[in-house]
N, C-alpha and C. Protein backbone atom coordinates (compact mmCIF):
# COMPACT_ATOMS: atom_id res chain seq x y z
N MET A 1 -0.62 75.09 -12.58
CA MET A 1 -0.78 74.08 -13.60
C MET A 1 0.31 73.01 -13.49
N LYS A 2 1.56 73.48 -13.22
CA LYS A 2 2.66 72.52 -13.09
C LYS A 2 2.40 71.56 -11.92
N LYS A 3 1.87 72.08 -10.83
CA LYS A 3 1.59 71.24 -9.66
C LYS A 3 0.52 70.21 -9.99
N ILE A 4 -0.48 70.62 -10.74
CA ILE A 4 -1.55 69.69 -11.13
C ILE A 4 -0.99 68.59 -12.02
N LEU A 5 -0.20 68.96 -13.02
CA LEU A 5 0.40 67.95 -13.91
C LEU A 5 1.34 67.03 -13.15
N PHE A 6 2.12 67.59 -12.25
CA PHE A 6 3.04 66.77 -11.46
C PHE A 6 2.27 65.78 -10.60
N THR A 7 1.24 66.26 -9.91
CA THR A 7 0.42 65.40 -9.06
C THR A 7 -0.27 64.33 -9.89
N LEU A 8 -0.79 64.71 -11.06
CA LEU A 8 -1.45 63.76 -11.95
C LEU A 8 -0.47 62.70 -12.43
N SER A 9 0.75 63.10 -12.79
CA SER A 9 1.73 62.13 -13.28
C SER A 9 2.15 61.16 -12.17
N ILE A 10 2.29 61.64 -10.96
CA ILE A 10 2.62 60.76 -9.83
C ILE A 10 1.47 59.78 -9.60
N PHE A 11 0.25 60.27 -9.62
CA PHE A 11 -0.91 59.41 -9.44
C PHE A 11 -0.95 58.33 -10.52
N LEU A 12 -0.75 58.72 -11.78
CA LEU A 12 -0.77 57.76 -12.89
C LEU A 12 0.35 56.73 -12.76
N PHE A 13 1.52 57.18 -12.30
CA PHE A 13 2.64 56.26 -12.13
C PHE A 13 2.28 55.15 -11.15
N PHE A 14 1.72 55.53 -10.01
CA PHE A 14 1.38 54.52 -9.01
C PHE A 14 0.14 53.73 -9.40
N ALA A 15 -0.75 54.33 -10.15
CA ALA A 15 -1.96 53.63 -10.59
C ALA A 15 -1.63 52.57 -11.63
N CYS A 16 -0.54 52.75 -12.35
CA CYS A 16 -0.17 51.81 -13.41
C CYS A 16 0.68 50.65 -12.91
N VAL A 17 1.00 50.63 -11.65
CA VAL A 17 1.81 49.54 -11.11
C VAL A 17 0.92 48.31 -10.99
N SER A 18 1.35 47.21 -11.62
CA SER A 18 0.56 45.98 -11.60
C SER A 18 0.75 45.25 -10.26
N ASN A 19 -0.08 44.24 -10.05
CA ASN A 19 0.05 43.43 -8.83
C ASN A 19 1.40 42.72 -8.80
N ASP A 20 1.88 42.27 -9.97
CA ASP A 20 3.20 41.64 -10.03
C ASP A 20 4.29 42.63 -9.62
N ASP A 21 4.16 43.87 -10.10
CA ASP A 21 5.14 44.89 -9.72
C ASP A 21 5.08 45.17 -8.23
N LYS A 22 3.87 45.23 -7.68
CA LYS A 22 3.73 45.47 -6.25
C LYS A 22 4.36 44.33 -5.45
N ALA A 23 4.17 43.09 -5.91
CA ALA A 23 4.77 41.93 -5.23
C ALA A 23 6.29 42.00 -5.29
N LYS A 24 6.83 42.43 -6.44
CA LYS A 24 8.28 42.56 -6.56
C LYS A 24 8.81 43.66 -5.64
N ILE A 25 8.08 44.75 -5.57
CA ILE A 25 8.49 45.85 -4.69
C ILE A 25 8.44 45.40 -3.23
N ASP A 26 7.36 44.69 -2.86
CA ASP A 26 7.26 44.17 -1.49
C ASP A 26 8.40 43.21 -1.19
N GLY A 27 8.71 42.33 -2.15
CA GLY A 27 9.81 41.39 -1.97
C GLY A 27 11.14 42.10 -1.81
N ALA A 28 11.35 43.13 -2.61
CA ALA A 28 12.59 43.90 -2.51
C ALA A 28 12.69 44.60 -1.16
N ASN A 29 11.56 45.13 -0.69
CA ASN A 29 11.55 45.79 0.62
C ASN A 29 11.83 44.79 1.74
N GLN A 30 11.24 43.58 1.63
CA GLN A 30 11.49 42.54 2.63
C GLN A 30 12.95 42.11 2.60
N PHE A 31 13.52 42.02 1.40
CA PHE A 31 14.92 41.64 1.26
C PHE A 31 15.82 42.66 1.96
N VAL A 32 15.60 43.93 1.66
CA VAL A 32 16.42 45.00 2.25
C VAL A 32 16.26 45.01 3.77
N SER A 33 15.04 44.89 4.25
CA SER A 33 14.78 44.87 5.69
C SER A 33 15.48 43.68 6.35
N GLY A 34 15.41 42.51 5.72
CA GLY A 34 16.05 41.31 6.25
C GLY A 34 17.56 41.45 6.31
N ILE A 35 18.15 42.04 5.28
CA ILE A 35 19.61 42.25 5.25
C ILE A 35 20.02 43.25 6.33
N GLU A 36 19.23 44.30 6.51
CA GLU A 36 19.53 45.28 7.56
C GLU A 36 19.51 44.62 8.94
N LYS A 37 18.50 43.77 9.20
CA LYS A 37 18.43 43.05 10.47
C LYS A 37 19.61 42.09 10.61
N PHE A 38 19.95 41.40 9.52
CA PHE A 38 21.08 40.48 9.54
C PHE A 38 22.37 41.18 9.93
N GLU A 39 22.62 42.35 9.35
CA GLU A 39 23.86 43.08 9.65
C GLU A 39 23.96 43.41 11.14
N ILE A 40 22.86 43.78 11.74
CA ILE A 40 22.84 44.06 13.18
C ILE A 40 23.04 42.77 13.97
N ASN A 41 22.29 41.73 13.62
CA ASN A 41 22.33 40.48 14.36
C ASN A 41 23.65 39.74 14.18
N LYS A 42 24.30 39.93 13.04
CA LYS A 42 25.61 39.32 12.80
C LYS A 42 26.61 39.81 13.86
N GLU A 43 26.56 41.09 14.16
CA GLU A 43 27.45 41.66 15.18
C GLU A 43 27.11 41.08 16.56
N LEU A 44 25.83 40.87 16.83
CA LEU A 44 25.42 40.28 18.10
C LEU A 44 25.88 38.84 18.22
N ALA A 45 25.76 38.07 17.12
CA ALA A 45 26.24 36.69 17.12
C ALA A 45 27.75 36.64 17.35
N ASP A 46 28.46 37.51 16.67
CA ASP A 46 29.92 37.58 16.82
C ASP A 46 30.29 37.90 18.27
N LYS A 47 29.56 38.83 18.87
CA LYS A 47 29.79 39.18 20.27
C LYS A 47 29.57 37.97 21.17
N GLY A 48 28.55 37.16 20.86
CA GLY A 48 28.28 35.96 21.65
C GLY A 48 29.44 34.97 21.58
N PHE A 49 29.98 34.76 20.38
CA PHE A 49 31.13 33.85 20.25
C PHE A 49 32.34 34.40 21.00
N ASP A 50 32.58 35.70 20.89
CA ASP A 50 33.70 36.32 21.61
C ASP A 50 33.53 36.17 23.12
N THR A 51 32.31 36.34 23.59
CA THR A 51 32.03 36.25 25.02
C THR A 51 32.24 34.82 25.51
N PHE A 52 31.83 33.83 24.72
CA PHE A 52 32.07 32.43 25.09
C PHE A 52 33.57 32.15 25.15
N GLU A 53 34.30 32.62 24.13
CA GLU A 53 35.76 32.43 24.11
C GLU A 53 36.42 32.98 25.37
N SER A 54 36.00 34.15 25.79
CA SER A 54 36.64 34.82 26.92
C SER A 54 36.29 34.18 28.26
N GLY A 55 35.28 33.32 28.27
CA GLY A 55 34.87 32.68 29.52
C GLY A 55 33.90 33.50 30.35
N ASP A 56 33.41 34.60 29.81
CA ASP A 56 32.45 35.45 30.52
C ASP A 56 31.05 34.85 30.34
N LEU A 57 30.78 33.80 31.10
CA LEU A 57 29.52 33.09 30.92
C LEU A 57 28.31 33.92 31.33
N GLU A 58 28.43 34.70 32.38
CA GLU A 58 27.30 35.55 32.78
C GLU A 58 26.99 36.56 31.67
N GLY A 59 28.03 37.08 31.04
CA GLY A 59 27.84 37.98 29.90
C GLY A 59 27.17 37.27 28.74
N LEU A 60 27.56 36.01 28.52
CA LEU A 60 26.96 35.20 27.46
C LEU A 60 25.48 34.97 27.73
N PHE A 61 25.16 34.63 28.97
CA PHE A 61 23.77 34.32 29.32
C PHE A 61 22.88 35.56 29.21
N ALA A 62 23.47 36.74 29.37
CA ALA A 62 22.70 37.98 29.23
C ALA A 62 22.35 38.27 27.78
N LEU A 63 22.99 37.59 26.83
CA LEU A 63 22.75 37.82 25.41
C LEU A 63 21.61 36.97 24.85
N VAL A 64 21.06 36.07 25.68
CA VAL A 64 19.98 35.20 25.20
C VAL A 64 18.69 35.48 25.97
N SER A 65 17.59 35.27 25.29
CA SER A 65 16.26 35.50 25.85
C SER A 65 15.96 34.48 26.95
N ASP A 66 15.13 34.87 27.91
CA ASP A 66 14.69 33.92 28.93
C ASP A 66 13.87 32.79 28.31
N ASP A 67 13.29 33.04 27.14
CA ASP A 67 12.49 32.04 26.43
C ASP A 67 13.30 31.31 25.35
N LEU A 68 14.62 31.33 25.47
CA LEU A 68 15.49 30.71 24.48
C LEU A 68 15.08 29.27 24.20
N ILE A 69 15.14 28.90 22.92
CA ILE A 69 15.02 27.50 22.51
C ILE A 69 16.37 27.12 21.93
N TRP A 70 17.07 26.21 22.61
CA TRP A 70 18.42 25.79 22.23
C TRP A 70 18.35 24.40 21.62
N ASN A 71 18.97 24.23 20.46
CA ASN A 71 18.95 22.97 19.73
C ASN A 71 20.39 22.52 19.46
N PRO A 72 21.04 21.87 20.44
CA PRO A 72 22.39 21.35 20.20
C PRO A 72 22.32 20.11 19.31
N PRO A 73 23.47 19.57 18.88
CA PRO A 73 23.46 18.47 17.90
C PRO A 73 22.71 17.22 18.33
N HIS A 74 22.70 16.90 19.59
CA HIS A 74 22.16 15.61 20.02
C HIS A 74 20.69 15.64 20.41
N VAL A 75 20.08 16.81 20.47
CA VAL A 75 18.69 16.91 20.92
C VAL A 75 18.16 18.28 20.50
N ASP A 76 16.86 18.50 20.63
CA ASP A 76 16.34 19.82 20.27
C ASP A 76 15.37 20.34 21.31
N SER A 77 15.06 21.62 21.18
CA SER A 77 14.06 22.32 21.99
C SER A 77 14.37 22.30 23.49
N LEU A 78 15.61 22.64 23.82
CA LEU A 78 15.97 22.76 25.23
C LEU A 78 15.79 24.21 25.68
N SER A 79 15.72 24.40 26.99
CA SER A 79 15.44 25.71 27.58
C SER A 79 16.72 26.51 27.83
N LYS A 80 16.54 27.74 28.27
CA LYS A 80 17.69 28.57 28.64
C LYS A 80 18.45 27.93 29.80
N GLU A 81 17.75 27.33 30.74
CA GLU A 81 18.42 26.67 31.86
C GLU A 81 19.33 25.55 31.35
N ASP A 82 18.87 24.81 30.36
CA ASP A 82 19.70 23.75 29.76
C ASP A 82 20.91 24.36 29.06
N TYR A 83 20.69 25.47 28.37
CA TYR A 83 21.77 26.17 27.69
C TYR A 83 22.83 26.63 28.69
N VAL A 84 22.40 27.23 29.78
CA VAL A 84 23.32 27.68 30.83
C VAL A 84 24.13 26.50 31.35
N SER A 85 23.47 25.41 31.64
CA SER A 85 24.16 24.22 32.14
C SER A 85 25.14 23.68 31.10
N GLY A 86 24.73 23.66 29.84
CA GLY A 86 25.60 23.17 28.77
C GLY A 86 26.85 24.01 28.59
N MET A 87 26.69 25.33 28.61
CA MET A 87 27.85 26.21 28.43
C MET A 87 28.80 26.13 29.62
N LYS A 88 28.24 26.00 30.83
CA LYS A 88 29.08 25.81 32.01
C LYS A 88 29.82 24.48 31.92
N GLY A 89 29.16 23.46 31.38
CA GLY A 89 29.80 22.16 31.21
C GLY A 89 30.99 22.23 30.27
N TRP A 90 30.83 22.94 29.15
CA TRP A 90 31.95 23.10 28.23
C TRP A 90 33.14 23.74 28.93
N HIS A 91 32.88 24.81 29.67
CA HIS A 91 33.97 25.54 30.31
C HIS A 91 34.55 24.80 31.52
N SER A 92 33.80 23.88 32.10
CA SER A 92 34.37 23.13 33.23
C SER A 92 35.33 22.05 32.75
N GLU A 93 35.14 21.55 31.53
CA GLU A 93 35.97 20.45 31.02
C GLU A 93 37.02 20.87 30.00
N PHE A 94 36.80 22.01 29.34
CA PHE A 94 37.69 22.43 28.25
C PHE A 94 38.15 23.87 28.48
N GLU A 95 39.20 24.27 27.76
CA GLU A 95 39.74 25.62 27.91
C GLU A 95 40.36 26.09 26.59
N ASN A 96 40.79 27.34 26.59
CA ASN A 96 41.47 27.95 25.43
C ASN A 96 40.60 27.93 24.17
N PHE A 97 39.35 28.28 24.32
CA PHE A 97 38.42 28.30 23.20
C PHE A 97 38.76 29.42 22.22
N LYS A 98 38.81 29.07 20.94
CA LYS A 98 38.98 30.05 19.86
C LYS A 98 38.05 29.64 18.72
N PHE A 99 37.22 30.58 18.28
CA PHE A 99 36.33 30.32 17.14
C PHE A 99 36.97 30.97 15.92
N THR A 100 37.56 30.15 15.07
CA THR A 100 38.34 30.63 13.93
C THR A 100 37.57 30.44 12.62
N GLU A 101 38.10 31.04 11.57
CA GLU A 101 37.52 30.92 10.22
C GLU A 101 36.04 31.30 10.20
N ARG A 102 35.69 32.31 10.96
CA ARG A 102 34.29 32.73 11.08
C ARG A 102 33.75 33.27 9.75
N GLN A 103 32.56 32.79 9.43
CA GLN A 103 31.83 33.31 8.27
C GLN A 103 30.37 33.44 8.68
N TYR A 104 29.75 34.54 8.28
CA TYR A 104 28.35 34.78 8.61
C TYR A 104 27.56 35.03 7.33
N PHE A 105 26.38 34.41 7.28
CA PHE A 105 25.49 34.56 6.13
C PHE A 105 24.07 34.77 6.64
N PRO A 106 23.25 35.49 5.87
CA PRO A 106 21.87 35.71 6.31
C PRO A 106 21.04 34.43 6.21
N GLY A 107 20.22 34.21 7.23
CA GLY A 107 19.23 33.14 7.16
C GLY A 107 18.02 33.64 6.39
N VAL A 108 17.17 32.72 5.97
CA VAL A 108 15.99 33.09 5.19
C VAL A 108 14.74 32.49 5.81
N ASP A 109 13.58 33.08 5.46
CA ASP A 109 12.33 32.53 5.96
C ASP A 109 11.97 31.28 5.16
N ASP A 110 11.00 30.53 5.67
CA ASP A 110 10.65 29.24 5.06
C ASP A 110 9.69 29.35 3.89
N SER A 111 9.10 30.52 3.67
CA SER A 111 8.10 30.61 2.61
C SER A 111 8.63 31.31 1.36
N LEU A 112 9.19 32.49 1.51
CA LEU A 112 9.66 33.25 0.34
C LEU A 112 11.17 33.16 0.14
N TYR A 113 11.86 32.54 1.10
CA TYR A 113 13.32 32.40 1.05
C TYR A 113 14.02 33.75 0.94
N LEU A 114 13.48 34.72 1.67
CA LEU A 114 14.07 36.06 1.75
C LEU A 114 14.76 36.20 3.10
N PRO A 115 15.83 36.99 3.18
CA PRO A 115 16.51 37.19 4.46
C PRO A 115 15.52 37.66 5.53
N ASN A 116 15.63 37.05 6.72
CA ASN A 116 14.69 37.37 7.80
C ASN A 116 15.38 37.91 9.05
N GLY A 117 16.67 38.19 8.96
CA GLY A 117 17.40 38.71 10.12
C GLY A 117 18.15 37.65 10.89
N SER A 118 17.86 36.37 10.64
CA SER A 118 18.60 35.33 11.34
C SER A 118 20.02 35.23 10.78
N VAL A 119 20.89 34.60 11.56
CA VAL A 119 22.31 34.55 11.22
C VAL A 119 22.77 33.10 11.15
N ARG A 120 23.36 32.74 10.02
CA ARG A 120 24.03 31.44 9.87
C ARG A 120 25.52 31.67 10.09
N ALA A 121 26.10 30.92 11.00
CA ALA A 121 27.53 31.08 11.32
C ALA A 121 28.26 29.78 11.02
N TYR A 122 29.40 29.90 10.37
CA TYR A 122 30.27 28.77 10.08
C TYR A 122 31.63 29.08 10.67
N GLY A 123 32.33 28.06 11.12
CA GLY A 123 33.68 28.27 11.62
C GLY A 123 34.26 27.00 12.20
N VAL A 124 35.39 27.14 12.85
CA VAL A 124 36.09 26.02 13.47
C VAL A 124 36.40 26.40 14.91
N TRP A 125 35.92 25.56 15.84
CA TRP A 125 36.25 25.76 17.25
C TRP A 125 37.54 25.03 17.55
N LYS A 126 38.49 25.73 18.15
CA LYS A 126 39.74 25.13 18.61
C LYS A 126 39.77 25.29 20.13
N TYR A 127 40.12 24.20 20.83
CA TYR A 127 40.11 24.19 22.29
C TYR A 127 40.87 22.96 22.76
N ASN A 128 41.08 22.85 24.05
CA ASN A 128 41.72 21.64 24.57
C ASN A 128 41.03 21.18 25.85
N HIS A 129 41.18 19.88 26.11
CA HIS A 129 40.61 19.25 27.30
C HIS A 129 41.51 19.59 28.49
N LYS A 130 40.93 20.07 29.56
CA LYS A 130 41.71 20.50 30.73
C LYS A 130 42.51 19.35 31.34
N ALA A 131 41.87 18.22 31.55
CA ALA A 131 42.52 17.12 32.28
C ALA A 131 43.61 16.43 31.46
N SER A 132 43.36 16.19 30.17
CA SER A 132 44.32 15.43 29.36
C SER A 132 45.19 16.31 28.47
N GLY A 133 44.77 17.54 28.23
CA GLY A 133 45.52 18.42 27.33
C GLY A 133 45.24 18.15 25.86
N THR A 134 44.38 17.18 25.57
CA THR A 134 44.05 16.84 24.18
C THR A 134 43.50 18.06 23.47
N GLU A 135 44.05 18.32 22.27
CA GLU A 135 43.60 19.48 21.48
C GLU A 135 42.53 19.05 20.49
N PHE A 136 41.59 19.95 20.27
CA PHE A 136 40.48 19.68 19.37
C PHE A 136 40.34 20.80 18.34
N SER A 137 39.84 20.41 17.18
CA SER A 137 39.49 21.34 16.12
C SER A 137 38.18 20.82 15.53
N THR A 138 37.09 21.51 15.82
CA THR A 138 35.75 21.03 15.48
C THR A 138 35.05 21.99 14.54
N LYS A 139 34.68 21.50 13.35
CA LYS A 139 33.91 22.32 12.42
C LYS A 139 32.52 22.55 13.02
N TYR A 140 32.01 23.76 12.82
CA TYR A 140 30.79 24.18 13.51
C TYR A 140 29.91 24.99 12.56
N TYR A 141 28.60 24.79 12.71
CA TYR A 141 27.60 25.55 11.97
C TYR A 141 26.45 25.85 12.92
N SER A 142 25.92 27.06 12.87
CA SER A 142 24.76 27.39 13.70
C SER A 142 23.84 28.35 12.97
N VAL A 143 22.60 28.35 13.42
CA VAL A 143 21.61 29.33 12.97
C VAL A 143 21.04 29.97 14.23
N SER A 144 21.08 31.29 14.29
CA SER A 144 20.56 32.02 15.45
C SER A 144 19.48 32.99 15.01
N GLU A 145 18.41 33.02 15.79
CA GLU A 145 17.33 33.98 15.56
C GLU A 145 17.31 34.95 16.74
N PHE A 146 16.92 36.19 16.47
CA PHE A 146 16.96 37.25 17.47
C PHE A 146 15.61 37.94 17.56
N ASP A 147 15.33 38.49 18.75
CA ASP A 147 14.11 39.30 18.89
C ASP A 147 14.44 40.76 18.61
N GLU A 148 13.43 41.62 18.73
CA GLU A 148 13.61 43.04 18.40
C GLU A 148 14.52 43.77 19.39
N THR A 149 14.78 43.16 20.56
CA THR A 149 15.68 43.79 21.53
C THR A 149 17.12 43.32 21.37
N GLY A 150 17.37 42.40 20.43
CA GLY A 150 18.73 41.94 20.19
C GLY A 150 19.12 40.69 20.95
N LEU A 151 18.18 40.05 21.63
CA LEU A 151 18.49 38.82 22.34
C LEU A 151 18.26 37.61 21.44
N GLN A 152 19.11 36.61 21.59
CA GLN A 152 18.92 35.38 20.82
C GLN A 152 17.70 34.65 21.38
N THR A 153 16.82 34.23 20.47
CA THR A 153 15.61 33.51 20.88
C THR A 153 15.69 32.04 20.52
N THR A 154 16.45 31.72 19.48
CA THR A 154 16.61 30.34 19.03
C THR A 154 18.03 30.14 18.56
N ILE A 155 18.63 29.01 18.96
CA ILE A 155 19.97 28.65 18.50
C ILE A 155 19.93 27.20 18.05
N TYR A 156 20.27 26.97 16.79
CA TYR A 156 20.45 25.62 16.25
C TYR A 156 21.95 25.42 16.06
N GLU A 157 22.51 24.35 16.63
CA GLU A 157 23.94 24.09 16.50
C GLU A 157 24.17 22.73 15.86
N PHE A 158 25.18 22.69 14.98
CA PHE A 158 25.53 21.46 14.28
C PHE A 158 27.04 21.28 14.33
N PHE A 159 27.49 20.18 14.91
CA PHE A 159 28.90 19.81 14.91
C PHE A 159 29.00 18.35 15.29
N ASP A 160 30.17 17.75 15.07
CA ASP A 160 30.37 16.33 15.35
C ASP A 160 30.84 16.16 16.78
N ARG A 161 29.90 15.95 17.68
CA ARG A 161 30.28 15.79 19.07
C ARG A 161 30.82 14.39 19.34
N GLY A 162 30.53 13.43 18.47
CA GLY A 162 31.08 12.08 18.63
C GLY A 162 32.59 12.07 18.53
N ASP A 163 33.13 12.93 17.68
CA ASP A 163 34.59 13.02 17.52
C ASP A 163 35.25 13.45 18.83
N ILE A 164 34.58 14.28 19.58
CA ILE A 164 35.11 14.74 20.86
C ILE A 164 35.23 13.57 21.83
N PHE A 165 34.17 12.77 21.92
CA PHE A 165 34.18 11.63 22.83
C PHE A 165 35.22 10.59 22.40
N LEU A 166 35.36 10.37 21.10
CA LEU A 166 36.35 9.39 20.62
C LEU A 166 37.77 9.79 21.00
N LYS A 167 38.09 11.06 20.88
CA LYS A 167 39.44 11.52 21.21
C LYS A 167 39.73 11.43 22.71
N LEU A 168 38.70 11.44 23.52
CA LEU A 168 38.91 11.40 24.97
C LEU A 168 38.97 9.98 25.52
N GLN A 169 38.74 8.98 24.69
CA GLN A 169 38.79 7.59 25.17
C GLN A 169 40.20 7.08 25.26
């Protein structure tokens, strides 16, 4: 009898859940799932910045998908080949990279504004120009998206690259 009453009470509990309640539960589940993905991807993003700092470009390139879409400040929708060339360009002209004041926040989807596993990174890049020794401190913001294997699939970068050119004139 106890088993029947218990089973009946569980059935009634779930039967009484309204559509609004189901939507809230689904939203809460999506939120938790998005935060869990963010926590994993935040570590991957941090590893990418550390790898760039150290100059291990081959290691950096292994962290991004072959189908990467790279969006630097001056243009968008570039390929992995463009990304590889761009990162090599930075390291050929500049040195002593340090990404300081790092902060990571979860990105959200465009429809429900719930965490989706993407990573928003804020910080300050400090580095110097090899030829002139000019020191730079550049505020930086990025959004990175990852696939299920942990590779970056999309990178959006925002910083004032004009300031870099002005200091080198």
